[in-house]
Amino acid sequence: MALTNTNQFFKRLLDFICSVLLLTALSPLFILVALAVKITSPGDVFYRQQRLGLNGQIFWMYKFRSMIPNAVNIGSGMFLEKDDPRITPVGKLLRKTSLDELPQLLNIIRGEMSLVGPRPAPLHHLDKYDARQWRRLAVKPGITGWAQVKGRLALYWPERIELDIWYVENYSLWLDVRILAETIPVVFSRRGGTAKEDRKDVDPFMKM
């Protein structure tokens, strides 16, 4: 079913309650990760970047920093390469386990993100969306989503957007529960964790 006002209310309520509980339960891990990032690499503990939110609104998305400072202005810029030398040793572990995404629980509490939804898109995507692709912005972006459990980085952006649109058009609470359940084995198996090598040549959304 479509994401009605009632659905939005209960989705927001579930997001807030679960995020507060998770942040409380994982606070020792949160502190340990923050210390590991700070001690092993110079620079800030958190990495923040502007992303597209609900209806194209811009917000600051937070992650634990997994790369060297100023990495976006070094090498391949915002594009992550296989065995990218800019990733710190601790960052490799954080990315492997998706622990770098933990600070996005704060984005959820602030109302900028959801547990489940399309991943927050970079700002340069905005002028590339056609009328249909704009539909992925009809819901809040999520930490995980339908595209994340169906291929993640192994999909080209147009494929991921189509999966995001399917999620928007077929939303239900049970679909969110299914996605959350499927996310666990995807993370541990690292399925879809590697992008296609030709993505910058053939994927229009990878071009700045």
N, C-alpha and C. Protein backbone atom coordinates (compact mmCIF):
# COMPACT_ATOMS: atom_id res chain seq x y z
N MET A 1 0.84 -1.19 0.00
CA MET A 1 0.00 0.00 0.00
C MET A 1 0.88 1.24 0.00
N ALA A 2 0.29 2.38 -0.34
CA ALA A 2 1.03 3.63 -0.35
C ALA A 2 1.33 4.07 1.07
N LEU A 3 2.32 4.95 1.20
CA LEU A 3 2.70 5.45 2.51
C LEU A 3 1.75 6.59 2.89
N THR A 4 0.62 6.25 3.51
CA THR A 4 -0.39 7.22 3.90
C THR A 4 0.06 7.98 5.16
N ASN A 5 -0.74 8.98 5.55
CA ASN A 5 -0.42 9.73 6.77
C ASN A 5 -0.39 8.82 7.99
N THR A 6 -1.31 7.85 8.03
CA THR A 6 -1.32 6.91 9.15
C THR A 6 -0.06 6.05 9.15
N ASN A 7 0.32 5.57 7.96
CA ASN A 7 1.55 4.79 7.85
C ASN A 7 2.76 5.60 8.29
N GLN A 8 2.80 6.86 7.86
CA GLN A 8 3.91 7.72 8.22
C GLN A 8 4.01 7.91 9.73
N PHE A 9 2.85 8.06 10.39
CA PHE A 9 2.84 8.24 11.84
C PHE A 9 3.44 7.02 12.54
N PHE A 10 2.95 5.83 12.18
CA PHE A 10 3.42 4.62 12.85
C PHE A 10 4.87 4.30 12.47
N LYS A 11 5.25 4.61 11.24
CA LYS A 11 6.63 4.40 10.83
C LYS A 11 7.57 5.31 11.63
N ARG A 12 7.16 6.56 11.80
CA ARG A 12 7.97 7.51 12.58
C ARG A 12 8.04 7.09 14.05
N LEU A 13 6.92 6.63 14.60
CA LEU A 13 6.89 6.18 15.99
C LEU A 13 7.82 4.99 16.19
N LEU A 14 7.75 4.03 15.27
CA LEU A 14 8.60 2.85 15.35
C LEU A 14 10.07 3.23 15.20
N ASP A 15 10.35 4.12 14.26
CA ASP A 15 11.73 4.59 14.06
C ASP A 15 12.29 5.21 15.33
N PHE A 16 11.51 6.10 15.95
CA PHE A 16 11.99 6.82 17.13
C PHE A 16 12.23 5.88 18.29
N ILE A 17 11.26 5.02 18.57
CA ILE A 17 11.38 4.10 19.71
C ILE A 17 12.56 3.15 19.51
N CYS A 18 12.64 2.54 18.32
CA CYS A 18 13.71 1.58 18.05
C CYS A 18 15.08 2.25 18.08
N SER A 19 15.18 3.46 17.55
CA SER A 19 16.47 4.15 17.50
C SER A 19 16.95 4.52 18.91
N VAL A 20 16.03 4.99 19.75
CA VAL A 20 16.40 5.32 21.12
C VAL A 20 16.85 4.07 21.87
N LEU A 21 16.12 2.98 21.70
CA LEU A 21 16.48 1.73 22.36
C LEU A 21 17.82 1.20 21.86
N LEU A 22 18.02 1.25 20.53
CA LEU A 22 19.27 0.77 19.96
C LEU A 22 20.45 1.63 20.41
N LEU A 23 20.26 2.93 20.38
CA LEU A 23 21.34 3.83 20.77
C LEU A 23 21.70 3.63 22.24
N THR A 24 20.70 3.39 23.07
CA THR A 24 20.95 3.13 24.49
C THR A 24 21.68 1.81 24.69
N ALA A 25 21.19 0.76 24.02
CA ALA A 25 21.79 -0.57 24.18
C ALA A 25 23.19 -0.63 23.60
N LEU A 26 23.40 0.11 22.51
CA LEU A 26 24.70 0.05 21.83
C LEU A 26 25.65 1.16 22.24
N SER A 27 25.28 1.94 23.24
CA SER A 27 26.11 3.07 23.65
C SER A 27 27.54 2.65 24.03
N PRO A 28 27.76 1.51 24.73
CA PRO A 28 29.14 1.10 24.98
C PRO A 28 29.93 0.85 23.69
N LEU A 29 29.29 0.19 22.72
CA LEU A 29 29.94 -0.05 21.43
C LEU A 29 30.18 1.26 20.71
N PHE A 30 29.21 2.16 20.78
CA PHE A 30 29.32 3.49 20.15
C PHE A 30 30.57 4.21 20.68
N ILE A 31 30.76 4.16 22.00
CA ILE A 31 31.91 4.82 22.62
C ILE A 31 33.21 4.15 22.22
N LEU A 32 33.22 2.81 22.19
CA LEU A 32 34.43 2.08 21.81
C LEU A 32 34.84 2.39 20.37
N VAL A 33 33.87 2.43 19.47
CA VAL A 33 34.17 2.75 18.07
C VAL A 33 34.70 4.16 17.95
N ALA A 34 34.09 5.10 18.67
CA ALA A 34 34.53 6.49 18.63
C ALA A 34 35.98 6.61 19.12
N LEU A 35 36.31 5.90 20.19
CA LEU A 35 37.68 5.92 20.71
C LEU A 35 38.65 5.30 19.72
N ALA A 36 38.24 4.19 19.10
CA ALA A 36 39.11 3.52 18.13
C ALA A 36 39.42 4.43 16.94
N VAL A 37 38.41 5.13 16.46
CA VAL A 37 38.61 6.05 15.34
C VAL A 37 39.54 7.18 15.74
N LYS A 38 39.33 7.74 16.93
CA LYS A 38 40.11 8.88 17.39
C LYS A 38 41.55 8.52 17.67
N ILE A 39 41.78 7.37 18.28
CA ILE A 39 43.14 6.98 18.69
C ILE A 39 44.00 6.53 17.51
N THR A 40 43.39 5.88 16.53
CA THR A 40 44.17 5.27 15.45
C THR A 40 44.36 6.15 14.23
N SER A 41 43.66 7.28 14.17
CA SER A 41 43.79 8.14 12.98
C SER A 41 43.53 9.58 13.35
N PRO A 42 44.37 10.51 12.91
CA PRO A 42 44.12 11.93 13.20
C PRO A 42 42.86 12.40 12.47
N GLY A 43 42.18 13.34 13.09
CA GLY A 43 40.97 13.87 12.46
C GLY A 43 39.75 13.68 13.33
N ASP A 44 38.60 14.07 12.81
CA ASP A 44 37.34 13.99 13.56
C ASP A 44 36.87 12.54 13.69
N VAL A 45 36.11 12.29 14.73
CA VAL A 45 35.51 10.97 14.93
C VAL A 45 34.40 10.73 13.90
N PHE A 46 33.61 11.77 13.66
CA PHE A 46 32.47 11.63 12.75
C PHE A 46 32.77 12.25 11.39
N TYR A 47 32.17 11.63 10.37
CA TYR A 47 32.20 12.18 9.02
C TYR A 47 30.78 12.62 8.71
N ARG A 48 30.61 13.80 8.21
CA ARG A 48 29.28 14.25 7.84
C ARG A 48 29.28 14.77 6.42
N GLN A 49 28.17 14.54 5.75
CA GLN A 49 28.04 14.95 4.35
C GLN A 49 26.59 15.32 4.07
N GLN A 50 26.39 16.34 3.26
CA GLN A 50 25.04 16.72 2.89
C GLN A 50 24.45 15.70 1.92
N ARG A 51 23.22 15.27 2.19
CA ARG A 51 22.52 14.31 1.35
C ARG A 51 21.09 14.75 1.12
N LEU A 52 20.42 14.09 0.17
CA LEU A 52 19.03 14.39 -0.15
C LEU A 52 18.10 13.61 0.77
N GLY A 53 17.17 14.32 1.40
CA GLY A 53 16.21 13.68 2.28
C GLY A 53 14.82 13.68 1.69
N LEU A 54 13.82 13.66 2.56
CA LEU A 54 12.43 13.63 2.14
C LEU A 54 12.10 14.82 1.24
N ASN A 55 11.51 14.53 0.09
CA ASN A 55 11.11 15.55 -0.89
C ASN A 55 12.29 16.42 -1.35
N GLY A 56 13.49 15.84 -1.32
CA GLY A 56 14.66 16.56 -1.81
C GLY A 56 15.27 17.53 -0.82
N GLN A 57 14.77 17.56 0.41
CA GLN A 57 15.35 18.43 1.42
C GLN A 57 16.77 17.98 1.76
N ILE A 58 17.65 18.93 1.97
CA ILE A 58 19.05 18.63 2.25
C ILE A 58 19.27 18.53 3.75
N PHE A 59 20.01 17.49 4.17
CA PHE A 59 20.34 17.34 5.58
C PHE A 59 21.77 16.81 5.70
N TRP A 60 22.33 16.91 6.89
CA TRP A 60 23.67 16.39 7.16
C TRP A 60 23.56 14.95 7.65
N MET A 61 24.12 14.02 6.90
CA MET A 61 24.15 12.61 7.29
C MET A 61 25.46 12.33 8.03
N TYR A 62 25.36 11.59 9.13
CA TYR A 62 26.52 11.30 9.96
C TYR A 62 26.95 9.84 9.86
N LYS A 63 28.26 9.64 9.88
CA LYS A 63 28.86 8.30 9.93
C LYS A 63 30.11 8.38 10.79
N PHE A 64 30.57 7.23 11.30
CA PHE A 64 31.90 7.21 11.88
C PHE A 64 32.90 7.34 10.73
N ARG A 65 33.91 8.16 10.92
CA ARG A 65 34.90 8.37 9.86
C ARG A 65 35.69 7.08 9.64
N SER A 66 35.72 6.63 8.40
CA SER A 66 36.43 5.40 8.05
C SER A 66 37.58 5.65 7.08
N MET A 67 37.78 6.91 6.69
CA MET A 67 38.82 7.24 5.74
C MET A 67 39.73 8.32 6.33
N ILE A 68 40.84 8.55 5.69
CA ILE A 68 41.76 9.58 6.16
C ILE A 68 41.11 10.95 6.01
N PRO A 69 41.56 11.94 6.81
CA PRO A 69 40.97 13.28 6.69
C PRO A 69 41.09 13.84 5.28
N ASN A 70 40.05 14.57 4.86
CA ASN A 70 40.04 15.23 3.55
C ASN A 70 40.09 14.23 2.38
N ALA A 71 39.62 13.01 2.62
CA ALA A 71 39.70 11.96 1.60
C ALA A 71 38.95 12.33 0.33
N VAL A 72 37.87 13.12 0.46
CA VAL A 72 37.05 13.47 -0.70
C VAL A 72 37.83 14.31 -1.71
N ASN A 73 38.90 14.94 -1.27
CA ASN A 73 39.72 15.76 -2.16
C ASN A 73 41.01 15.06 -2.58
N ILE A 74 41.07 13.77 -2.34
CA ILE A 74 42.26 12.98 -2.66
C ILE A 74 41.87 11.80 -3.55
N GLY A 75 42.71 11.46 -4.48
CA GLY A 75 42.50 10.26 -5.30
C GLY A 75 41.21 10.32 -6.10
N SER A 76 40.35 9.33 -5.92
CA SER A 76 39.12 9.22 -6.71
C SER A 76 37.97 10.03 -6.14
N GLY A 77 38.28 10.92 -5.17
CA GLY A 77 37.25 11.80 -4.64
C GLY A 77 36.17 11.06 -3.89
N MET A 78 34.91 11.33 -4.25
CA MET A 78 33.79 10.71 -3.53
C MET A 78 33.54 9.26 -3.96
N PHE A 79 34.24 8.81 -4.99
CA PHE A 79 34.04 7.44 -5.46
C PHE A 79 35.00 6.50 -4.75
N LEU A 80 34.47 5.43 -4.19
CA LEU A 80 35.26 4.47 -3.45
C LEU A 80 35.77 3.38 -4.39
N GLU A 81 37.07 3.18 -4.41
CA GLU A 81 37.67 2.16 -5.24
C GLU A 81 37.88 0.87 -4.44
N LYS A 82 38.05 -0.25 -5.12
CA LYS A 82 38.35 -1.51 -4.46
C LYS A 82 39.71 -1.40 -3.77
N ASP A 83 39.79 -1.83 -2.52
CA ASP A 83 41.02 -1.73 -1.72
C ASP A 83 41.53 -0.29 -1.69
N ASP A 84 40.62 0.65 -1.54
CA ASP A 84 40.96 2.07 -1.54
C ASP A 84 41.96 2.38 -0.42
N PRO A 85 43.14 2.93 -0.77
CA PRO A 85 44.17 3.19 0.25
C PRO A 85 43.80 4.30 1.22
N ARG A 86 42.75 5.05 0.93
CA ARG A 86 42.32 6.12 1.83
C ARG A 86 41.56 5.59 3.05
N ILE A 87 41.13 4.34 3.01
CA ILE A 87 40.40 3.76 4.13
C ILE A 87 41.39 3.37 5.23
N THR A 88 41.12 3.79 6.43
CA THR A 88 42.00 3.49 7.56
C THR A 88 41.83 2.02 7.97
N PRO A 89 42.79 1.46 8.72
CA PRO A 89 42.64 0.07 9.20
C PRO A 89 41.35 -0.14 10.00
N VAL A 90 41.06 0.78 10.92
CA VAL A 90 39.82 0.67 11.67
C VAL A 90 38.63 0.86 10.74
N GLY A 91 38.77 1.76 9.77
CA GLY A 91 37.70 2.01 8.81
C GLY A 91 37.32 0.77 8.02
N LYS A 92 38.30 -0.07 7.70
CA LYS A 92 38.01 -1.31 6.96
C LYS A 92 37.08 -2.21 7.77
N LEU A 93 37.36 -2.30 9.07
CA LEU A 93 36.50 -3.11 9.93
C LEU A 93 35.11 -2.49 10.06
N LEU A 94 35.06 -1.17 10.20
CA LEU A 94 33.77 -0.50 10.33
C LEU A 94 32.92 -0.70 9.09
N ARG A 95 33.54 -0.57 7.92
CA ARG A 95 32.79 -0.74 6.67
C ARG A 95 32.37 -2.20 6.48
N LYS A 96 33.24 -3.13 6.86
CA LYS A 96 32.95 -4.55 6.71
C LYS A 96 31.73 -4.95 7.54
N THR A 97 31.60 -4.36 8.73
CA THR A 97 30.51 -4.70 9.64
C THR A 97 29.37 -3.69 9.60
N SER A 98 29.52 -2.64 8.79
CA SER A 98 28.54 -1.54 8.68
C SER A 98 28.39 -0.76 9.99
N LEU A 99 29.36 -0.88 10.89
CA LEU A 99 29.31 -0.11 12.13
C LEU A 99 29.51 1.38 11.88
N ASP A 100 30.08 1.73 10.72
CA ASP A 100 30.25 3.15 10.42
C ASP A 100 28.91 3.86 10.27
N GLU A 101 27.82 3.09 10.08
CA GLU A 101 26.50 3.68 9.89
C GLU A 101 25.79 3.98 11.22
N LEU A 102 26.34 3.53 12.35
CA LEU A 102 25.66 3.69 13.64
C LEU A 102 25.22 5.13 13.95
N PRO A 103 26.04 6.15 13.67
CA PRO A 103 25.61 7.52 13.98
C PRO A 103 24.34 7.96 13.27
N GLN A 104 23.92 7.24 12.25
CA GLN A 104 22.69 7.61 11.56
C GLN A 104 21.46 7.35 12.42
N LEU A 105 21.64 6.63 13.54
CA LEU A 105 20.55 6.53 14.51
C LEU A 105 20.19 7.92 15.03
N LEU A 106 21.18 8.79 15.12
CA LEU A 106 20.93 10.18 15.52
C LEU A 106 20.13 10.91 14.47
N ASN A 107 20.43 10.64 13.18
CA ASN A 107 19.64 11.23 12.10
C ASN A 107 18.18 10.79 12.18
N ILE A 108 17.97 9.53 12.60
CA ILE A 108 16.60 9.02 12.71
C ILE A 108 15.88 9.71 13.86
N ILE A 109 16.54 9.84 15.01
CA ILE A 109 15.93 10.51 16.15
C ILE A 109 15.57 11.95 15.80
N ARG A 110 16.41 12.59 15.00
CA ARG A 110 16.16 13.98 14.58
C ARG A 110 15.06 14.07 13.54
N GLY A 111 14.60 12.94 13.01
CA GLY A 111 13.52 12.94 12.04
C GLY A 111 13.96 13.10 10.61
N GLU A 112 15.27 12.98 10.35
CA GLU A 112 15.79 13.17 9.00
C GLU A 112 15.87 11.87 8.21
N MET A 113 15.92 10.74 8.92
CA MET A 113 16.04 9.45 8.28
C MET A 113 15.09 8.46 8.94
N SER A 114 15.03 7.27 8.36
CA SER A 114 14.22 6.17 8.87
C SER A 114 15.11 4.93 8.98
N LEU A 115 14.66 3.94 9.71
CA LEU A 115 15.41 2.68 9.74
C LEU A 115 15.43 2.06 8.35
N VAL A 116 14.29 2.13 7.66
CA VAL A 116 14.16 1.52 6.33
C VAL A 116 13.72 2.58 5.32
N GLY A 117 14.38 2.61 4.19
CA GLY A 117 14.04 3.55 3.13
C GLY A 117 15.17 3.57 2.11
N PRO A 118 15.02 4.29 1.03
CA PRO A 118 16.11 4.44 0.06
C PRO A 118 17.33 5.06 0.74
N ARG A 119 18.52 4.63 0.35
CA ARG A 119 19.71 5.23 0.93
C ARG A 119 19.79 6.70 0.54
N PRO A 120 20.29 7.57 1.44
CA PRO A 120 20.37 9.01 1.13
C PRO A 120 21.27 9.26 -0.09
N ALA A 121 20.75 9.93 -1.07
CA ALA A 121 21.49 10.15 -2.32
C ALA A 121 22.34 11.41 -2.24
N PRO A 122 23.49 11.42 -2.94
CA PRO A 122 24.31 12.63 -3.02
C PRO A 122 23.56 13.77 -3.70
N LEU A 123 23.97 14.99 -3.41
CA LEU A 123 23.25 16.16 -3.94
C LEU A 123 23.30 16.23 -5.46
N HIS A 124 24.39 15.75 -6.07
CA HIS A 124 24.50 15.88 -7.53
C HIS A 124 23.52 14.99 -8.28
N HIS A 125 22.81 14.09 -7.55
CA HIS A 125 21.79 13.26 -8.21
C HIS A 125 20.54 14.06 -8.55
N LEU A 126 20.30 15.13 -7.82
CA LEU A 126 19.02 15.82 -7.89
C LEU A 126 18.66 16.26 -9.31
N ASP A 127 19.62 16.82 -10.03
CA ASP A 127 19.31 17.31 -11.37
C ASP A 127 19.35 16.21 -12.42
N LYS A 128 19.59 14.96 -11.99
CA LYS A 128 19.59 13.83 -12.92
C LYS A 128 18.29 13.03 -12.86
N TYR A 129 17.49 13.23 -11.81
CA TYR A 129 16.24 12.49 -11.68
C TYR A 129 15.22 12.93 -12.72
N ASP A 130 14.55 11.96 -13.33
CA ASP A 130 13.38 12.30 -14.14
C ASP A 130 12.16 12.26 -13.22
N ALA A 131 10.97 12.48 -13.77
CA ALA A 131 9.77 12.59 -12.94
C ALA A 131 9.51 11.30 -12.17
N ARG A 132 9.76 10.17 -12.80
CA ARG A 132 9.54 8.90 -12.11
C ARG A 132 10.56 8.70 -10.99
N GLN A 133 11.81 8.98 -11.27
CA GLN A 133 12.86 8.74 -10.29
C GLN A 133 12.73 9.64 -9.07
N TRP A 134 12.07 10.78 -9.23
CA TRP A 134 11.80 11.67 -8.10
C TRP A 134 10.99 10.98 -7.02
N ARG A 135 10.28 9.93 -7.39
CA ARG A 135 9.40 9.25 -6.43
C ARG A 135 10.18 8.61 -5.30
N ARG A 136 11.45 8.31 -5.50
CA ARG A 136 12.23 7.71 -4.41
C ARG A 136 12.43 8.69 -3.26
N LEU A 137 12.19 9.99 -3.53
CA LEU A 137 12.33 11.00 -2.49
C LEU A 137 11.01 11.24 -1.75
N ALA A 138 9.99 10.42 -2.05
CA ALA A 138 8.68 10.59 -1.40
C ALA A 138 8.66 10.02 0.01
N VAL A 139 9.72 9.34 0.41
CA VAL A 139 9.85 8.82 1.78
C VAL A 139 11.21 9.23 2.33
N LYS A 140 11.35 9.17 3.63
CA LYS A 140 12.64 9.49 4.24
C LYS A 140 13.67 8.44 3.86
N PRO A 141 14.92 8.83 3.67
CA PRO A 141 15.96 7.86 3.39
C PRO A 141 16.20 6.97 4.62
N GLY A 142 16.76 5.79 4.39
CA GLY A 142 16.93 4.84 5.48
C GLY A 142 18.35 4.34 5.64
N ILE A 143 18.60 3.72 6.79
CA ILE A 143 19.89 3.07 7.01
C ILE A 143 20.00 1.84 6.14
N THR A 144 18.90 1.13 6.00
CA THR A 144 18.83 0.00 5.07
C THR A 144 17.58 0.15 4.22
N GLY A 145 17.48 -0.65 3.16
CA GLY A 145 16.34 -0.52 2.27
C GLY A 145 16.20 -1.70 1.33
N TRP A 146 15.18 -1.66 0.50
CA TRP A 146 14.91 -2.75 -0.45
C TRP A 146 16.09 -2.95 -1.40
N ALA A 147 16.66 -1.84 -1.89
CA ALA A 147 17.81 -1.96 -2.78
C ALA A 147 19.03 -2.51 -2.06
N GLN A 148 19.14 -2.24 -0.76
CA GLN A 148 20.29 -2.70 0.01
C GLN A 148 20.28 -4.21 0.17
N VAL A 149 19.12 -4.81 0.29
CA VAL A 149 19.06 -6.26 0.46
C VAL A 149 18.95 -6.98 -0.88
N LYS A 150 18.85 -6.23 -1.97
CA LYS A 150 18.73 -6.83 -3.29
C LYS A 150 19.95 -6.60 -4.17
N GLY A 151 21.03 -6.11 -3.60
CA GLY A 151 22.23 -5.95 -4.42
C GLY A 151 23.22 -4.91 -3.93
N ARG A 152 22.74 -3.91 -3.18
CA ARG A 152 23.61 -2.87 -2.63
C ARG A 152 24.49 -2.24 -3.72
N LEU A 153 25.80 -2.17 -3.45
CA LEU A 153 26.73 -1.49 -4.36
C LEU A 153 26.93 -2.23 -5.67
N ALA A 154 26.57 -3.51 -5.73
CA ALA A 154 26.73 -4.27 -6.96
C ALA A 154 25.74 -3.85 -8.04
N LEU A 155 24.78 -3.02 -7.68
CA LEU A 155 23.80 -2.52 -8.64
C LEU A 155 24.22 -1.14 -9.14
N TYR A 156 23.92 -0.86 -10.40
CA TYR A 156 24.08 0.51 -10.90
C TYR A 156 22.98 1.37 -10.27
N TRP A 157 23.22 2.67 -10.20
CA TRP A 157 22.26 3.55 -9.55
C TRP A 157 20.86 3.48 -10.17
N PRO A 158 20.69 3.44 -11.50
CA PRO A 158 19.34 3.34 -12.05
C PRO A 158 18.61 2.09 -11.56
N GLU A 159 19.34 0.98 -11.38
CA GLU A 159 18.73 -0.24 -10.86
C GLU A 159 18.31 -0.05 -9.41
N ARG A 160 19.16 0.58 -8.62
CA ARG A 160 18.84 0.83 -7.22
C ARG A 160 17.63 1.76 -7.09
N ILE A 161 17.57 2.75 -7.96
CA ILE A 161 16.44 3.68 -7.90
C ILE A 161 15.13 2.97 -8.22
N GLU A 162 15.14 2.07 -9.19
CA GLU A 162 13.93 1.32 -9.52
C GLU A 162 13.46 0.49 -8.33
N LEU A 163 14.40 -0.12 -7.61
CA LEU A 163 14.04 -0.88 -6.41
C LEU A 163 13.50 0.04 -5.32
N ASP A 164 14.06 1.23 -5.22
CA ASP A 164 13.57 2.20 -4.24
C ASP A 164 12.14 2.62 -4.57
N ILE A 165 11.86 2.83 -5.85
CA ILE A 165 10.51 3.22 -6.27
C ILE A 165 9.53 2.10 -5.97
N TRP A 166 9.95 0.86 -6.20
CA TRP A 166 9.09 -0.28 -5.88
C TRP A 166 8.75 -0.28 -4.39
N TYR A 167 9.73 0.03 -3.56
CA TYR A 167 9.50 0.09 -2.11
C TYR A 167 8.47 1.16 -1.78
N VAL A 168 8.61 2.34 -2.38
CA VAL A 168 7.67 3.44 -2.12
C VAL A 168 6.26 3.03 -2.52
N GLU A 169 6.13 2.38 -3.66
CA GLU A 169 4.81 2.02 -4.19
C GLU A 169 4.18 0.83 -3.48
N ASN A 170 4.99 0.04 -2.78
CA ASN A 170 4.48 -1.19 -2.15
C ASN A 170 4.69 -1.20 -0.64
N TYR A 171 4.84 0.00 -0.06
CA TYR A 171 5.16 0.08 1.36
C TYR A 171 4.13 -0.61 2.25
N SER A 172 4.64 -1.30 3.26
CA SER A 172 3.83 -1.79 4.37
C SER A 172 4.76 -1.99 5.55
N LEU A 173 4.19 -2.05 6.74
CA LEU A 173 4.99 -2.28 7.94
C LEU A 173 5.70 -3.61 7.85
N TRP A 174 5.01 -4.60 7.30
CA TRP A 174 5.61 -5.93 7.20
C TRP A 174 6.76 -5.95 6.20
N LEU A 175 6.70 -5.11 5.18
CA LEU A 175 7.82 -5.01 4.24
C LEU A 175 9.04 -4.45 4.97
N ASP A 176 8.84 -3.45 5.84
CA ASP A 176 9.95 -2.92 6.63
C ASP A 176 10.55 -4.00 7.52
N VAL A 177 9.69 -4.79 8.16
CA VAL A 177 10.17 -5.87 9.02
C VAL A 177 10.97 -6.88 8.21
N ARG A 178 10.47 -7.21 7.02
CA ARG A 178 11.18 -8.15 6.14
C ARG A 178 12.55 -7.62 5.76
N ILE A 179 12.61 -6.34 5.40
CA ILE A 179 13.88 -5.73 4.99
C ILE A 179 14.87 -5.73 6.15
N LEU A 180 14.41 -5.38 7.34
CA LEU A 180 15.29 -5.39 8.51
C LEU A 180 15.83 -6.79 8.78
N ALA A 181 14.97 -7.80 8.63
CA ALA A 181 15.41 -9.17 8.85
C ALA A 181 16.42 -9.62 7.79
N GLU A 182 16.19 -9.21 6.54
CA GLU A 182 17.10 -9.62 5.47
C GLU A 182 18.42 -8.85 5.50
N THR A 183 18.43 -7.70 6.17
CA THR A 183 19.65 -6.91 6.24
C THR A 183 20.75 -7.62 7.02
N ILE A 184 20.37 -8.35 8.05
CA ILE A 184 21.35 -9.00 8.92
C ILE A 184 22.24 -9.98 8.14
N PRO A 185 21.68 -10.95 7.41
CA PRO A 185 22.57 -11.84 6.65
C PRO A 185 23.33 -11.14 5.52
N VAL A 186 22.73 -10.09 4.95
CA VAL A 186 23.42 -9.34 3.90
C VAL A 186 24.69 -8.69 4.44
N VAL A 187 24.58 -8.08 5.64
CA VAL A 187 25.73 -7.42 6.25
C VAL A 187 26.81 -8.43 6.58
N PHE A 188 26.44 -9.55 7.20
CA PHE A 188 27.44 -10.53 7.62
C PHE A 188 28.07 -11.27 6.45
N SER A 189 27.32 -11.45 5.38
CA SER A 189 27.88 -12.13 4.20
C SER A 189 28.63 -11.17 3.29
N ARG A 190 28.42 -9.85 3.52
CA ARG A 190 29.02 -8.80 2.69
C ARG A 190 28.53 -8.89 1.24
N ARG A 191 27.36 -9.51 1.03
CA ARG A 191 26.81 -9.65 -0.30
C ARG A 191 26.50 -8.29 -0.90
N GLY A 192 26.99 -8.05 -2.11
CA GLY A 192 26.75 -6.78 -2.78
C GLY A 192 27.60 -5.64 -2.27
N GLY A 193 28.66 -5.95 -1.53
CA GLY A 193 29.48 -4.91 -0.94
C GLY A 193 30.51 -4.29 -1.86
N THR A 194 30.66 -4.84 -3.06
CA THR A 194 31.65 -4.35 -4.01
C THR A 194 30.97 -3.78 -5.25
N ALA A 195 31.33 -2.55 -5.59
CA ALA A 195 30.73 -1.90 -6.77
C ALA A 195 31.35 -2.44 -8.05
N LYS A 196 30.61 -2.34 -9.14
CA LYS A 196 31.11 -2.78 -10.44
C LYS A 196 32.21 -1.84 -10.92
N GLU A 197 33.26 -2.40 -11.49
CA GLU A 197 34.42 -1.61 -11.86
C GLU A 197 34.12 -0.60 -12.97
N ASP A 198 33.11 -0.87 -13.80
CA ASP A 198 32.81 0.05 -14.90
C ASP A 198 31.75 1.08 -14.54
N ARG A 199 31.41 1.20 -13.24
CA ARG A 199 30.28 2.04 -12.84
C ARG A 199 30.46 3.49 -13.25
N LYS A 200 31.70 4.00 -13.18
CA LYS A 200 31.91 5.41 -13.50
C LYS A 200 31.81 5.68 -15.00
N ASP A 201 31.95 4.63 -15.81
CA ASP A 201 31.89 4.80 -17.26
C ASP A 201 30.47 4.66 -17.82
N VAL A 202 29.66 3.79 -17.19
CA VAL A 202 28.35 3.49 -17.76
C VAL A 202 27.18 3.99 -16.91
N ASP A 203 27.44 4.35 -15.66
CA ASP A 203 26.35 4.77 -14.77
C ASP A 203 26.24 6.30 -14.79
N PRO A 204 25.16 6.85 -15.35
CA PRO A 204 25.03 8.31 -15.47
C PRO A 204 25.01 9.02 -14.13
N PHE A 205 24.60 8.33 -13.07
CA PHE A 205 24.52 8.97 -11.76
C PHE A 205 25.87 9.06 -11.07
N MET A 206 26.88 8.43 -11.65
CA MET A 206 28.23 8.51 -11.07
C MET A 206 29.01 9.68 -11.63
N LYS A 207 28.46 10.34 -12.64
CA LYS A 207 29.16 11.46 -13.27
C LYS A 207 28.76 12.76 -12.59
N MET A 208 29.75 13.54 -12.18
CA MET A 208 29.50 14.79 -11.48
C MET A 208 29.03 15.86 -12.46
